């Protein structure tokens, strides 16, 4: 007698579903769908603040800790939350391999302007994304890093500088005075002796 389940009209559907489940399990077990990896991104501005109205800031970026093995990573993208795509900005470029032994870290620099009023601040978040340098395939290894710069009060800075110049000028003027008790005898005429 035939199995009523397999002989029913639902048999092809059951078989297809079983095949999909088996396929997904096989992908996971054999590493066809591996989990995404991570890289470390460090962002360092050349200064933490500028007096208002602001100006140019330079940023150093370091991408490290690629974990794809001996071949390392290929930097697929480098994005800034404020300035956008950094490929071609300053010394930054994508398509660069890093993470292999002896070349574990990728570094670059770029500059961007930030203007505002005293107390304003700007946070830049940079996202780096890489792929396996050996195959050029996913999964992506990605990571983010951020830094914050601030606009300071230029009035207070000017007042501080003026006060310091005033103190220096006062010390210099005191130092130029002749010391007390000093008498200049060079101009006194000598009386002839008899």
Foldseek 3Di string as FASTA:
>chain_A
DDDPVCPDPCNVVVVVVVVVVVVVVVCVVVVVPDDAAAKDKEKDWPDQEEAPQWWKIKIKIKIFDFDLPQQAWFWAFKAKPPPGGCDVAFFDHGRDGACHPPGGMDMGMHMDTDGDHAFDKDKIKMKIWIARNVPRDDDIHMDIYMGMHGHHHVVVVVVVVVVVVVVVVVVVVVVPDDDPPDDDCPPPDDDDDD
